[in-house]
């Protein structure tokens, strides 16, 4: 599966509409961006290739970011 296809699969399965996956230089990162509440957070995942993690692992990383935001801003 090509990188962009895997990236699209991860982004399409993210349960939170404010979270997206992006490619950096030699790593990947999630962005939590909720313009309605002004919340912007990132979480880096230090793997070079997208296929180094399974889809489930990527979704777990996104869930960690979402939980961090919820605990910081909504607790």
C-alpha atoms as a PDB file:
ATOM      1  CA  UNK A   1       0.000   0.000   0.000  1.00  0.00           C
ATOM      2  CA  UNK A   2       1.397   3.416  -0.887  1.00  0.00           C
ATOM      3  CA  UNK A   3       2.181   5.930   1.841  1.00  0.00           C
ATOM      4  CA  UNK A   4      -0.554   8.372   0.827  1.00  0.00           C
ATOM      5  CA  UNK A   5      -3.092   5.557   0.788  1.00  0.00           C
ATOM      6  CA  UNK A   6      -2.092   4.476   4.298  1.00  0.00           C
ATOM      7  CA  UNK A   7      -2.138   8.100   5.440  1.00  0.00           C
ATOM      8  CA  UNK A   8      -5.640   8.528   4.001  1.00  0.00           C
ATOM      9  CA  UNK A   9      -6.755   5.300   5.713  1.00  0.00           C
ATOM     10  CA  UNK A  10      -5.479   6.525   9.086  1.00  0.00           C
ATOM     11  CA  UNK A  11      -7.081   9.956   8.664  1.00  0.00           C
ATOM     12  CA  UNK A  12     -10.390   8.454   7.547  1.00  0.00           C
ATOM     13  CA  UNK A  13     -10.581   6.232  10.640  1.00  0.00           C
ATOM     14  CA  UNK A  14      -9.777   8.914  13.218  1.00  0.00           C
ATOM     15  CA  UNK A  15     -12.801   9.244  15.505  1.00  0.00           C
ATOM     16  CA  UNK A  16     -12.135  12.880  16.384  1.00  0.00           C
ATOM     17  CA  UNK A  17     -12.787  15.422  13.587  1.00  0.00           C
ATOM     18  CA  UNK A  18     -10.167  17.793  15.053  1.00  0.00           C
ATOM     19  CA  UNK A  19      -7.289  15.305  14.720  1.00  0.00           C
ATOM     20  CA  UNK A  20      -5.274  14.758  11.523  1.00  0.00           C
ATOM     21  CA  UNK A  21      -2.035  12.970  10.636  1.00  0.00           C
ATOM     22  CA  UNK A  22       0.772  14.712   8.733  1.00  0.00           C
ATOM     23  CA  UNK A  23       4.267  13.861   7.513  1.00  0.00           C
ATOM     24  CA  UNK A  24       7.240  15.777   8.849  1.00  0.00           C
ATOM     25  CA  UNK A  25      10.917  15.466   7.890  1.00  0.00           C
ATOM     26  CA  UNK A  26      11.744  11.923   9.016  1.00  0.00           C
ATOM     27  CA  UNK A  27       8.759  11.553  11.329  1.00  0.00           C
ATOM     28  CA  UNK A  28       4.957  11.789  11.438  1.00  0.00           C
ATOM     29  CA  UNK A  29       2.777  13.912  13.651  1.00  0.00           C
ATOM     30  CA  UNK A  30      -0.818  14.383  14.678  1.00  0.00           C
ATOM     31  CA  UNK A  31      -2.419  17.793  14.974  1.00  0.00           C
ATOM     32  CA  UNK A  32      -5.414  18.479  17.195  1.00  0.00           C
ATOM     33  CA  UNK A  33      -6.895  21.718  15.881  1.00  0.00           C
ATOM     34  CA  UNK A  34     -10.244  22.920  17.216  1.00  0.00           C
ATOM     35  CA  UNK A  35     -10.713  26.498  16.000  1.00  0.00           C
ATOM     36  CA  UNK A  36     -14.000  26.838  17.904  1.00  0.00           C
ATOM     37  CA  UNK A  37     -12.261  26.528  21.274  1.00  0.00           C
ATOM     38  CA  UNK A  38      -8.821  27.743  20.193  1.00  0.00           C
ATOM     39  CA  UNK A  39      -7.122  24.443  21.063  1.00  0.00           C
ATOM     40  CA  UNK A  40      -4.087  23.493  19.001  1.00  0.00           C
ATOM     41  CA  UNK A  41      -1.816  20.616  20.077  1.00  0.00           C
ATOM     42  CA  UNK A  42       0.586  18.283  18.302  1.00  0.00           C
ATOM     43  CA  UNK A  43       1.958  14.822  19.013  1.00  0.00           C
ATOM     44  CA  UNK A  44       5.015  13.545  17.149  1.00  0.00           C
ATOM     45  CA  UNK A  45       5.533   9.894  16.257  1.00  0.00           C
ATOM     46  CA  UNK A  46       9.179   9.215  15.530  1.00  0.00           C
ATOM     47  CA  UNK A  47       9.027   6.596  12.803  1.00  0.00           C
ATOM     48  CA  UNK A  48      10.446   7.173   9.356  1.00  0.00           C
ATOM     49  CA  UNK A  49       7.932   5.095   7.419  1.00  0.00           C
ATOM     50  CA  UNK A  50       4.198   5.126   7.947  1.00  0.00           C
ATOM     51  CA  UNK A  51       4.024   1.341   7.673  1.00  0.00           C
ATOM     52  CA  UNK A  52       6.299   0.906  10.707  1.00  0.00           C
ATOM     53  CA  UNK A  53       3.119   0.995  12.808  1.00  0.00           C
ATOM     54  CA  UNK A  54      -0.144  -0.809  12.242  1.00  0.00           C
ATOM     55  CA  UNK A  55      -3.374   1.077  11.664  1.00  0.00           C
ATOM     56  CA  UNK A  56      -4.395   0.216  15.227  1.00  0.00           C
ATOM     57  CA  UNK A  57      -1.146   1.667  16.602  1.00  0.00           C
ATOM     58  CA  UNK A  58      -1.685   4.889  14.654  1.00  0.00           C
ATOM     59  CA  UNK A  59      -5.209   5.152  16.022  1.00  0.00           C
ATOM     60  CA  UNK A  60      -3.867   4.554  19.546  1.00  0.00           C
ATOM     61  CA  UNK A  61      -1.414   7.446  19.076  1.00  0.00           C
ATOM     62  CA  UNK A  62      -4.278   9.699  17.974  1.00  0.00           C
ATOM     63  CA  UNK A  63      -6.342   8.580  20.968  1.00  0.00           C
ATOM     64  CA  UNK A  64      -3.460   9.501  23.290  1.00  0.00           C
ATOM     65  CA  UNK A  65      -3.401  13.021  21.855  1.00  0.00           C
ATOM     66  CA  UNK A  66      -7.167  13.347  22.231  1.00  0.00           C
ATOM     67  CA  UNK A  67      -6.994  12.127  25.838  1.00  0.00           C
ATOM     68  CA  UNK A  68      -4.177  14.591  26.585  1.00  0.00           C
ATOM     69  CA  UNK A  69      -6.283  17.462  25.223  1.00  0.00           C
ATOM     70  CA  UNK A  70      -9.361  16.339  27.152  1.00  0.00           C
ATOM     71  CA  UNK A  71      -7.398  16.040  30.393  1.00  0.00           C
ATOM     72  CA  UNK A  72      -5.739  19.418  29.907  1.00  0.00           C
ATOM     73  CA  UNK A  73      -8.654  21.529  28.705  1.00  0.00           C
ATOM     74  CA  UNK A  74     -11.814  19.761  29.802  1.00  0.00           C
ATOM     75  CA  UNK A  75     -10.891  18.262  33.190  1.00  0.00           C
END
